[in-house]
Amino acid sequence: MNGIITELSGLLDLAEGVAWTAVLVFLRVGAMVALMPGIGETAVPQRVKLALALAFSVAITPILAERLPVAGSGPDMAMLGAEAVAGLILGVGMRLFLLGLQTAAAIIAQATTLSQLFGGAGPEPQPAIGNLLTMAGIALAMAAGLHVRAAELVVVSYDILPPGLFPDAGIAADWGLALVGRTFALAFSLAAPFVIAGMIYNLALGAINRAMPQLMVSMVGAPALTLGALALLAVVAPVLLSVWLGAFHDHLADPFRGPP
């Protein structure tokens, strides 16, 4: 009888350790899922996000079972908070690339007079080009295995963000600033063809207006600019999205690198 009780006590200790590991993994994964592109969108129901976070946790926990600390006498709130902060850092890193794509779309819309075209059609107020590029970028990322790359990111993150420890504030701030600068540089690079084309077109309209002041340049030029912008978007959008997806995959492969 004593032997059975001893075995049951060992099983309870093992179950407690597994449960504690699963809780730590779930906190990091749940915070990341709340912000990552596609799964973390506002249009996705909360129950779906919770189910996906649980699925991620179940898939990742066996891999990390030997790398996470064992529970002590009781729950450590500081350790739980550190895991949530680590997950938020991972999620913010991925979300910034989607914001970079939306910023590029906003620049394109402003440069091509399309900023007011169906501006509130999506769940987030942005121009029609923003909705188009955002949905296309999310679809490409999910089709390219974003869920698998996100699981790999969580596993790799434990080498840089140790479990149960808050990240250094200065290092996190430097990393965040470098990532913000990289994503905004990417946004301006993606929008560059439209900005250059719009500037050349407006310069040409100015020259025409100087040559023929009686001509209603704005009445003629605005529709032509819109048509040209849509034609350029049809040609450039595949290349633009492929460049964005490549930069996003580079971030997932090495999320904590410094400034370029």
C-alpha atoms as a PDB file:
ATOM      1  CA  MET A   1       0.000   0.000   0.000  1.00  0.00           C
ATOM      2  CA  ASN A   2       2.816   2.367   0.884  1.00  0.00           C
ATOM      3  CA  GLY A   3       4.430   1.606  -2.471  1.00  0.00           C
ATOM      4  CA  ILE A   4       1.245   2.570  -4.343  1.00  0.00           C
ATOM      5  CA  ILE A   5       1.021   5.810  -2.393  1.00  0.00           C
ATOM      6  CA  THR A   6       4.659   6.566  -3.231  1.00  0.00           C
ATOM      7  CA  GLU A   7       4.049   5.906  -6.912  1.00  0.00           C
ATOM      8  CA  LEU A   8       0.959   8.100  -6.911  1.00  0.00           C
ATOM      9  CA  SER A   9       2.887  10.880  -5.180  1.00  0.00           C
ATOM     10  CA  GLY A  10       5.550  10.663  -7.877  1.00  0.00           C
ATOM     11  CA  LEU A  11       2.898  10.851 -10.583  1.00  0.00           C
ATOM     12  CA  LEU A  12       1.326  13.880  -8.924  1.00  0.00           C
ATOM     13  CA  ASP A  13       4.692  15.625  -8.761  1.00  0.00           C
ATOM     14  CA  LEU A  14       5.282  14.833 -12.429  1.00  0.00           C
ATOM     15  CA  ALA A  15       1.816  16.096 -13.379  1.00  0.00           C
ATOM     16  CA  GLU A  16       2.415  19.280 -11.388  1.00  0.00           C
ATOM     17  CA  GLY A  17       5.691  19.868 -13.212  1.00  0.00           C
ATOM     18  CA  VAL A  18       4.097  19.284 -16.613  1.00  0.00           C
ATOM     19  CA  ALA A  19       1.194  21.577 -15.756  1.00  0.00           C
ATOM     20  CA  TRP A  20       3.575  24.318 -14.614  1.00  0.00           C
ATOM     21  CA  THR A  21       5.587  23.996 -17.838  1.00  0.00           C
ATOM     22  CA  ALA A  22       2.393  24.152 -19.904  1.00  0.00           C
ATOM     23  CA  VAL A  23       1.260  27.293 -18.059  1.00  0.00           C
ATOM     24  CA  LEU A  24       4.573  29.052 -18.714  1.00  0.00           C
ATOM     25  CA  VAL A  25       4.499  28.108 -22.388  1.00  0.00           C
ATOM     26  CA  PHE A  26       0.861  29.159 -22.724  1.00  0.00           C
ATOM     27  CA  LEU A  27       1.543  32.610 -21.267  1.00  0.00           C
ATOM     28  CA  ARG A  28       4.332  33.284 -23.765  1.00  0.00           C
ATOM     29  CA  VAL A  29       2.419  31.788 -26.676  1.00  0.00           C
ATOM     30  CA  GLY A  30      -0.868  33.473 -25.745  1.00  0.00           C
ATOM     31  CA  ALA A  31       0.707  36.927 -25.585  1.00  0.00           C
ATOM     32  CA  MET A  32       2.386  36.352 -28.954  1.00  0.00           C
ATOM     33  CA  VAL A  33      -0.785  35.029 -30.601  1.00  0.00           C
ATOM     34  CA  ALA A  34      -2.730  38.101 -29.460  1.00  0.00           C
ATOM     35  CA  LEU A  35      -0.495  40.327 -31.607  1.00  0.00           C
ATOM     36  CA  MET A  36       0.798  38.194 -34.472  1.00  0.00           C
ATOM     37  CA  PRO A  37      -0.504  38.866 -38.013  1.00  0.00           C
ATOM     38  CA  GLY A  38      -3.461  36.843 -39.197  1.00  0.00           C
ATOM     39  CA  ILE A  39      -4.340  35.062 -35.970  1.00  0.00           C
ATOM     40  CA  GLY A  40      -4.214  38.199 -33.815  1.00  0.00           C
ATOM     41  CA  GLU A  41      -6.453  40.356 -35.998  1.00  0.00           C
ATOM     42  CA  THR A  42      -9.465  42.056 -34.439  1.00  0.00           C
ATOM     43  CA  ALA A  43     -11.782  40.206 -36.826  1.00  0.00           C
ATOM     44  CA  VAL A  44     -10.732  36.825 -35.362  1.00  0.00           C
ATOM     45  CA  PRO A  45     -13.024  35.775 -32.470  1.00  0.00           C
ATOM     46  CA  GLN A  46     -11.478  35.524 -29.029  1.00  0.00           C
ATOM     47  CA  ARG A  47     -12.450  31.857 -28.728  1.00  0.00           C
ATOM     48  CA  VAL A  48     -10.558  31.069 -31.922  1.00  0.00           C
ATOM     49  CA  LYS A  49      -7.476  32.888 -30.628  1.00  0.00           C
ATOM     50  CA  LEU A  50      -7.679  30.965 -27.357  1.00  0.00           C
ATOM     51  CA  ALA A  51      -8.024  27.637 -29.162  1.00  0.00           C
ATOM     52  CA  LEU A  52      -5.053  28.419 -31.387  1.00  0.00           C
ATOM     53  CA  ALA A  53      -2.943  29.485 -28.402  1.00  0.00           C
ATOM     54  CA  LEU A  54      -3.787  26.199 -26.672  1.00  0.00           C
ATOM     55  CA  ALA A  55      -2.906  24.263 -29.836  1.00  0.00           C
ATOM     56  CA  PHE A  56       0.449  26.058 -30.065  1.00  0.00           C
ATOM     57  CA  SER A  57       1.118  25.332 -26.394  1.00  0.00           C
ATOM     58  CA  VAL A  58       0.315  21.630 -26.738  1.00  0.00           C
ATOM     59  CA  ALA A  59       2.644  21.354 -29.731  1.00  0.00           C
ATOM     60  CA  ILE A  60       5.539  23.265 -28.146  1.00  0.00           C
ATOM     61  CA  THR A  61       5.420  22.132 -24.500  1.00  0.00           C
ATOM     62  CA  PRO A  62       7.032  18.679 -25.033  1.00  0.00           C
ATOM     63  CA  ILE A  63       9.977  20.331 -26.791  1.00  0.00           C
ATOM     64  CA  LEU A  64      10.558  22.759 -23.916  1.00  0.00           C
ATOM     65  CA  ALA A  65       9.798  20.451 -20.995  1.00  0.00           C
ATOM     66  CA  GLU A  66      13.464  20.059 -19.990  1.00  0.00           C
ATOM     67  CA  ARG A  67      14.381  23.727 -20.503  1.00  0.00           C
ATOM     68  CA  LEU A  68      11.784  25.350 -18.271  1.00  0.00           C
ATOM     69  CA  PRO A  69      12.050  25.680 -14.481  1.00  0.00           C
ATOM     70  CA  VAL A  70      10.109  23.346 -12.215  1.00  0.00           C
ATOM     71  CA  ALA A  71       7.414  24.813  -9.987  1.00  0.00           C
ATOM     72  CA  GLY A  72       8.392  25.541  -6.417  1.00  0.00           C
ATOM     73  CA  SER A  73       6.128  25.697  -3.437  1.00  0.00           C
ATOM     74  CA  GLY A  74       3.625  27.896  -5.235  1.00  0.00           C
ATOM     75  CA  PRO A  75       3.013  30.057  -8.292  1.00  0.00           C
ATOM     76  CA  ASP A  76       5.681  32.674  -8.932  1.00  0.00           C
ATOM     77  CA  MET A  77       3.861  35.782 -10.197  1.00  0.00           C
ATOM     78  CA  ALA A  78       7.107  37.423 -11.323  1.00  0.00           C
ATOM     79  CA  MET A  79       7.882  34.406 -13.491  1.00  0.00           C
ATOM     80  CA  LEU A  80       4.387  34.465 -14.973  1.00  0.00           C
ATOM     81  CA  GLY A  81       4.696  38.176 -15.740  1.00  0.00           C
ATOM     82  CA  ALA A  82       8.111  37.671 -17.357  1.00  0.00           C
ATOM     83  CA  GLU A  83       6.708  35.031 -19.702  1.00  0.00           C
ATOM     84  CA  ALA A  84       3.842  37.315 -20.728  1.00  0.00           C
ATOM     85  CA  VAL A  85       6.295  40.167 -21.429  1.00  0.00           C
ATOM     86  CA  ALA A  86       8.458  37.855 -23.534  1.00  0.00           C
ATOM     87  CA  GLY A  87       5.431  36.825 -25.570  1.00  0.00           C
ATOM     88  CA  LEU A  88       4.436  40.448 -26.101  1.00  0.00           C
ATOM     89  CA  ILE A  89       7.939  41.211 -27.392  1.00  0.00           C
ATOM     90  CA  LEU A  90       7.651  38.393 -29.941  1.00  0.00           C
ATOM     91  CA  GLY A  91       4.176  39.509 -30.992  1.00  0.00           C
ATOM     92  CA  VAL A  92       5.128  43.179 -31.307  1.00  0.00           C
ATOM     93  CA  GLY A  93       8.059  42.228 -33.526  1.00  0.00           C
ATOM     94  CA  MET A  94       5.747  40.470 -35.983  1.00  0.00           C
ATOM     95  CA  ARG A  95       3.016  43.110 -35.737  1.00  0.00           C
ATOM     96  CA  LEU A  96       5.472  45.862 -36.685  1.00  0.00           C
ATOM     97  CA  PHE A  97       6.011  44.254 -40.086  1.00  0.00           C
ATOM     98  CA  LEU A  98       2.285  44.306 -40.758  1.00  0.00           C
ATOM     99  CA  LEU A  99       2.181  47.952 -39.659  1.00  0.00           C
ATOM    100  CA  GLY A 100       5.035  48.584 -42.065  1.00  0.00           C
ATOM    101  CA  LEU A 101       2.943  47.182 -44.895  1.00  0.00           C
ATOM    102  CA  GLN A 102       0.015  49.378 -43.836  1.00  0.00           C
ATOM    103  CA  THR A 103       2.315  52.408 -43.673  1.00  0.00           C
ATOM    104  CA  ALA A 104       3.538  51.701 -47.199  1.00  0.00           C
ATOM    105  CA  ALA A 105      -0.084  51.492 -48.365  1.00  0.00           C
ATOM    106  CA  ALA A 106      -0.906  54.807 -46.678  1.00  0.00           C
ATOM    107  CA  ILE A 107       2.053  56.488 -48.388  1.00  0.00           C
ATOM    108  CA  ILE A 108       0.976  55.026 -51.732  1.00  0.00           C
ATOM    109  CA  ALA A 109      -2.585  56.241 -51.228  1.00  0.00           C
ATOM    110  CA  GLN A 110      -1.472  59.769 -50.344  1.00  0.00           C
ATOM    111  CA  ALA A 111       0.942  59.947 -53.284  1.00  0.00           C
ATOM    112  CA  THR A 112      -1.689  58.778 -55.783  1.00  0.00           C
ATOM    113  CA  THR A 113      -4.819  60.599 -54.479  1.00  0.00           C
ATOM    114  CA  LEU A 114      -6.421  57.305 -53.421  1.00  0.00           C
ATOM    115  CA  SER A 115      -6.421  57.958 -49.688  1.00  0.00           C
ATOM    116  CA  GLN A 116     -10.175  58.649 -49.507  1.00  0.00           C
ATOM    117  CA  LEU A 117     -11.296  55.783 -51.740  1.00  0.00           C
ATOM    118  CA  PHE A 118     -13.394  53.416 -49.581  1.00  0.00           C
ATOM    119  CA  GLY A 119     -11.417  54.500 -46.544  1.00  0.00           C
ATOM    120  CA  GLY A 120     -13.516  52.682 -43.936  1.00  0.00           C
ATOM    121  CA  ALA A 121     -14.185  49.412 -45.724  1.00  0.00           C
ATOM    122  CA  GLY A 122     -12.161  47.223 -43.367  1.00  0.00           C
ATOM    123  CA  PRO A 123     -12.141  46.538 -39.623  1.00  0.00           C
ATOM    124  CA  GLU A 124      -9.389  49.152 -39.237  1.00  0.00           C
ATOM    125  CA  PRO A 125      -9.752  52.610 -40.854  1.00  0.00           C
ATOM    126  CA  GLN A 126      -7.289  52.658 -43.725  1.00  0.00           C
ATOM    127  CA  PRO A 127      -7.381  53.313 -47.487  1.00  0.00           C
ATOM    128  CA  ALA A 128      -8.567  50.689 -49.933  1.00  0.00           C
ATOM    129  CA  ILE A 129      -4.973  49.997 -50.965  1.00  0.00           C
ATOM    130  CA  GLY A 130      -4.181  49.361 -47.307  1.00  0.00           C
ATOM    131  CA  ASN A 131      -6.960  46.806 -46.992  1.00  0.00           C
ATOM    132  CA  LEU A 132      -5.849  45.130 -50.214  1.00  0.00           C
ATOM    133  CA  LEU A 133      -2.167  44.891 -49.323  1.00  0.00           C
ATOM    134  CA  THR A 134      -2.850  43.919 -45.705  1.00  0.00           C
ATOM    135  CA  MET A 135      -5.171  41.048 -46.625  1.00  0.00           C
ATOM    136  CA  ALA A 136      -2.817  39.906 -49.390  1.00  0.00           C
ATOM    137  CA  GLY A 137       0.199  40.047 -47.067  1.00  0.00           C
ATOM    138  CA  ILE A 138      -1.565  38.077 -44.321  1.00  0.00           C
ATOM    139  CA  ALA A 139      -2.753  35.485 -46.840  1.00  0.00           C
ATOM    140  CA  LEU A 140       0.766  35.079 -48.243  1.00  0.00           C
ATOM    141  CA  ALA A 141       2.292  34.795 -44.769  1.00  0.00           C
ATOM    142  CA  MET A 142      -0.219  32.155 -43.669  1.00  0.00           C
ATOM    143  CA  ALA A 143       0.184  30.217 -46.918  1.00  0.00           C
ATOM    144  CA  ALA A 144       3.968  30.306 -46.455  1.00  0.00           C
ATOM    145  CA  GLY A 145       3.657  28.593 -43.059  1.00  0.00           C
ATOM    146  CA  LEU A 146       3.474  31.468 -40.588  1.00  0.00           C
ATOM    147  CA  HIS A 147       2.092  29.165 -37.890  1.00  0.00           C
ATOM    148  CA  VAL A 148       5.107  26.855 -38.216  1.00  0.00           C
ATOM    149  CA  ARG A 149       7.554  29.743 -38.230  1.00  0.00           C
ATOM    150  CA  ALA A 150       5.819  31.237 -35.178  1.00  0.00           C
ATOM    151  CA  ALA A 151       6.220  27.941 -33.278  1.00  0.00           C
ATOM    152  CA  GLU A 152       9.905  27.875 -34.217  1.00  0.00           C
ATOM    153  CA  LEU A 153      10.209  31.483 -33.069  1.00  0.00           C
ATOM    154  CA  VAL A 154       8.855  30.615 -29.628  1.00  0.00           C
ATOM    155  CA  VAL A 155      11.298  27.730 -29.247  1.00  0.00           C
ATOM    156  CA  VAL A 156      14.265  29.855 -30.356  1.00  0.00           C
ATOM    157  CA  SER A 157      13.202  32.760 -28.140  1.00  0.00           C
ATOM    158  CA  TYR A 158      14.092  30.829 -24.985  1.00  0.00           C
ATOM    159  CA  ASP A 159      17.784  31.131 -25.928  1.00  0.00           C
ATOM    160  CA  ILE A 160      17.533  34.955 -25.956  1.00  0.00           C
ATOM    161  CA  LEU A 161      14.718  35.501 -23.444  1.00  0.00           C
ATOM    162  CA  PRO A 162      15.316  32.981 -20.639  1.00  0.00           C
ATOM    163  CA  PRO A 163      12.196  31.650 -18.927  1.00  0.00           C
ATOM    164  CA  GLY A 164      11.127  33.459 -15.787  1.00  0.00           C
ATOM    165  CA  LEU A 165      13.422  36.464 -16.255  1.00  0.00           C
ATOM    166  CA  PHE A 166      12.347  39.922 -17.353  1.00  0.00           C
ATOM    167  CA  PRO A 167      14.308  41.181 -20.369  1.00  0.00           C
ATOM    168  CA  ASP A 168      16.734  44.030 -19.816  1.00  0.00           C
ATOM    169  CA  ALA A 169      14.855  47.281 -20.452  1.00  0.00           C
ATOM    170  CA  GLY A 170      17.741  48.989 -22.235  1.00  0.00           C
ATOM    171  CA  ILE A 171      18.405  46.072 -24.561  1.00  0.00           C
ATOM    172  CA  ALA A 172      14.692  45.710 -25.304  1.00  0.00           C
ATOM    173  CA  ALA A 173      14.411  49.430 -26.079  1.00  0.00           C
ATOM    174  CA  ASP A 174      17.404  49.335 -28.435  1.00  0.00           C
ATOM    175  CA  TRP A 175      16.001  46.269 -30.182  1.00  0.00           C
ATOM    176  CA  GLY A 176      12.573  47.894 -30.508  1.00  0.00           C
ATOM    177  CA  LEU A 177      13.975  51.122 -31.950  1.00  0.00           C
ATOM    178  CA  ALA A 178      16.108  49.202 -34.445  1.00  0.00           C
ATOM    179  CA  LEU A 179      13.107  47.133 -35.508  1.00  0.00           C
ATOM    180  CA  VAL A 180      10.877  50.200 -35.871  1.00  0.00           C
ATOM    181  CA  GLY A 181      13.510  51.870 -38.017  1.00  0.00           C
ATOM    182  CA  ARG A 182      13.860  48.752 -40.155  1.00  0.00           C
ATOM    183  CA  THR A 183      10.126  48.405 -40.720  1.00  0.00           C
ATOM    184  CA  PHE A 184       9.671  52.076 -41.603  1.00  0.00           C
ATOM    185  CA  ALA A 185      12.613  51.887 -44.003  1.00  0.00           C
ATOM    186  CA  LEU A 186      10.927  48.867 -45.566  1.00  0.00           C
ATOM    187  CA  ALA A 187       7.640  50.793 -45.832  1.00  0.00           C
ATOM    188  CA  PHE A 188       9.282  53.710 -47.635  1.00  0.00           C
ATOM    189  CA  SER A 189      11.135  51.307 -49.932  1.00  0.00           C
ATOM    190  CA  LEU A 190       7.899  49.538 -50.862  1.00  0.00           C
ATOM    191  CA  ALA A 191       6.132  52.837 -51.586  1.00  0.00           C
ATOM    192  CA  ALA A 192       9.070  54.385 -53.475  1.00  0.00           C
ATOM    193  CA  PRO A 193       7.848  53.546 -57.040  1.00  0.00           C
ATOM    194  CA  PHE A 194       4.526  55.271 -56.408  1.00  0.00           C
ATOM    195  CA  VAL A 195       6.100  58.296 -54.727  1.00  0.00           C
ATOM    196  CA  ILE A 196       8.571  58.767 -57.581  1.00  0.00           C
ATOM    197  CA  ALA A 197       5.892  58.291 -60.242  1.00  0.00           C
ATOM    198  CA  GLY A 198       3.548  60.741 -58.468  1.00  0.00           C
ATOM    199  CA  MET A 199       6.300  63.348 -58.139  1.00  0.00           C
ATOM    200  CA  ILE A 200       7.240  63.088 -61.820  1.00  0.00           C
ATOM    201  CA  TYR A 201       3.581  63.297 -62.824  1.00  0.00           C
ATOM    202  CA  ASN A 202       2.947  66.375 -60.690  1.00  0.00           C
ATOM    203  CA  LEU A 203       6.045  68.069 -62.090  1.00  0.00           C
ATOM    204  CA  ALA A 204       4.773  67.358 -65.590  1.00  0.00           C
ATOM    205  CA  LEU A 205       1.379  68.826 -64.703  1.00  0.00           C
ATOM    206  CA  GLY A 206       3.082  71.926 -63.335  1.00  0.00           C
ATOM    207  CA  ALA A 207       5.001  72.386 -66.553  1.00  0.00           C
ATOM    208  CA  ILE A 208       1.819  71.951 -68.589  1.00  0.00           C
ATOM    209  CA  ASN A 209       0.008  74.477 -66.403  1.00  0.00           C
ATOM    210  CA  ARG A 210       2.788  77.014 -66.938  1.00  0.00           C
ATOM    211  CA  ALA A 211       2.624  76.460 -70.687  1.00  0.00           C
ATOM    212  CA  MET A 212      -1.191  76.556 -70.903  1.00  0.00           C
ATOM    213  CA  PRO A 213      -2.654  78.484 -67.959  1.00  0.00           C
ATOM    214  CA  GLN A 214      -6.150  78.336 -69.419  1.00  0.00           C
ATOM    215  CA  LEU A 215      -6.205  74.515 -69.249  1.00  0.00           C
ATOM    216  CA  MET A 216      -7.955  72.986 -66.203  1.00  0.00           C
ATOM    217  CA  VAL A 217      -4.986  70.837 -65.277  1.00  0.00           C
ATOM    218  CA  SER A 218      -6.508  69.465 -62.071  1.00  0.00           C
ATOM    219  CA  MET A 219      -9.640  68.276 -63.866  1.00  0.00           C
ATOM    220  CA  VAL A 220      -7.549  66.419 -66.432  1.00  0.00           C
ATOM    221  CA  GLY A 221      -4.688  65.319 -64.222  1.00  0.00           C
ATOM    222  CA  ALA A 222      -6.491  63.806 -61.223  1.00  0.00           C
ATOM    223  CA  PRO A 223      -8.328  61.023 -63.130  1.00  0.00           C
ATOM    224  CA  ALA A 224      -5.183  60.245 -65.119  1.00  0.00           C
ATOM    225  CA  LEU A 225      -3.155  59.999 -61.913  1.00  0.00           C
ATOM    226  CA  THR A 226      -5.698  57.639 -60.356  1.00  0.00           C
ATOM    227  CA  LEU A 227      -5.783  55.439 -63.443  1.00  0.00           C
ATOM    228  CA  GLY A 228      -1.997  55.359 -63.653  1.00  0.00           C
ATOM    229  CA  ALA A 229      -1.723  54.508 -59.949  1.00  0.00           C
ATOM    230  CA  LEU A 230      -4.113  51.583 -60.300  1.00  0.00           C
ATOM    231  CA  ALA A 231      -2.218  50.310 -63.353  1.00  0.00           C
ATOM    232  CA  LEU A 232       1.109  50.646 -61.528  1.00  0.00           C
ATOM    233  CA  LEU A 233      -0.355  48.863 -58.496  1.00  0.00           C
ATOM    234  CA  ALA A 234      -1.419  45.922 -60.669  1.00  0.00           C
ATOM    235  CA  VAL A 235       2.138  45.620 -61.992  1.00  0.00           C
ATOM    236  CA  VAL A 236       4.105  46.335 -58.810  1.00  0.00           C
ATOM    237  CA  ALA A 237       1.919  44.630 -56.145  1.00  0.00           C
ATOM    238  CA  PRO A 238       3.298  41.071 -56.662  1.00  0.00           C
ATOM    239  CA  VAL A 239       6.883  42.292 -56.397  1.00  0.00           C
ATOM    240  CA  LEU A 240       6.016  44.541 -53.445  1.00  0.00           C
ATOM    241  CA  LEU A 241       4.396  41.693 -51.518  1.00  0.00           C
ATOM    242  CA  SER A 242       7.241  39.279 -52.292  1.00  0.00           C
ATOM    243  CA  VAL A 243       9.787  41.794 -50.956  1.00  0.00           C
ATOM    244  CA  TRP A 244       7.716  42.295 -47.803  1.00  0.00           C
ATOM    245  CA  LEU A 245       7.323  38.555 -47.280  1.00  0.00           C
ATOM    246  CA  GLY A 246      11.062  38.029 -47.684  1.00  0.00           C
ATOM    247  CA  ALA A 247      11.814  40.710 -45.086  1.00  0.00           C
ATOM    248  CA  PHE A 248       9.233  39.185 -42.737  1.00  0.00           C
ATOM    249  CA  HIS A 249      10.784  35.731 -43.068  1.00  0.00           C
ATOM    250  CA  ASP A 250      14.229  37.200 -42.426  1.00  0.00           C
ATOM    251  CA  HIS A 251      12.892  38.659 -39.192  1.00  0.00           C
ATOM    252  CA  LEU A 252      11.395  35.330 -38.136  1.00  0.00           C
ATOM    253  CA  ALA A 253      14.695  33.584 -38.878  1.00  0.00           C
ATOM    254  CA  ASP A 254      16.708  36.083 -36.792  1.00  0.00           C
ATOM    255  CA  PRO A 255      14.265  38.177 -34.733  1.00  0.00           C
ATOM    256  CA  PHE A 256      16.752  39.716 -32.321  1.00  0.00           C
ATOM    257  CA  ARG A 257      19.430  41.029 -34.626  1.00  0.00           C
ATOM    258  CA  GLY A 258      20.588  44.609 -34.239  1.00  0.00           C
ATOM    259  CA  PRO A 259      20.383  47.511 -36.656  1.00  0.00           C
ATOM    260  CA  PRO A 260      21.330  46.750 -40.273  1.00  0.00           C
END
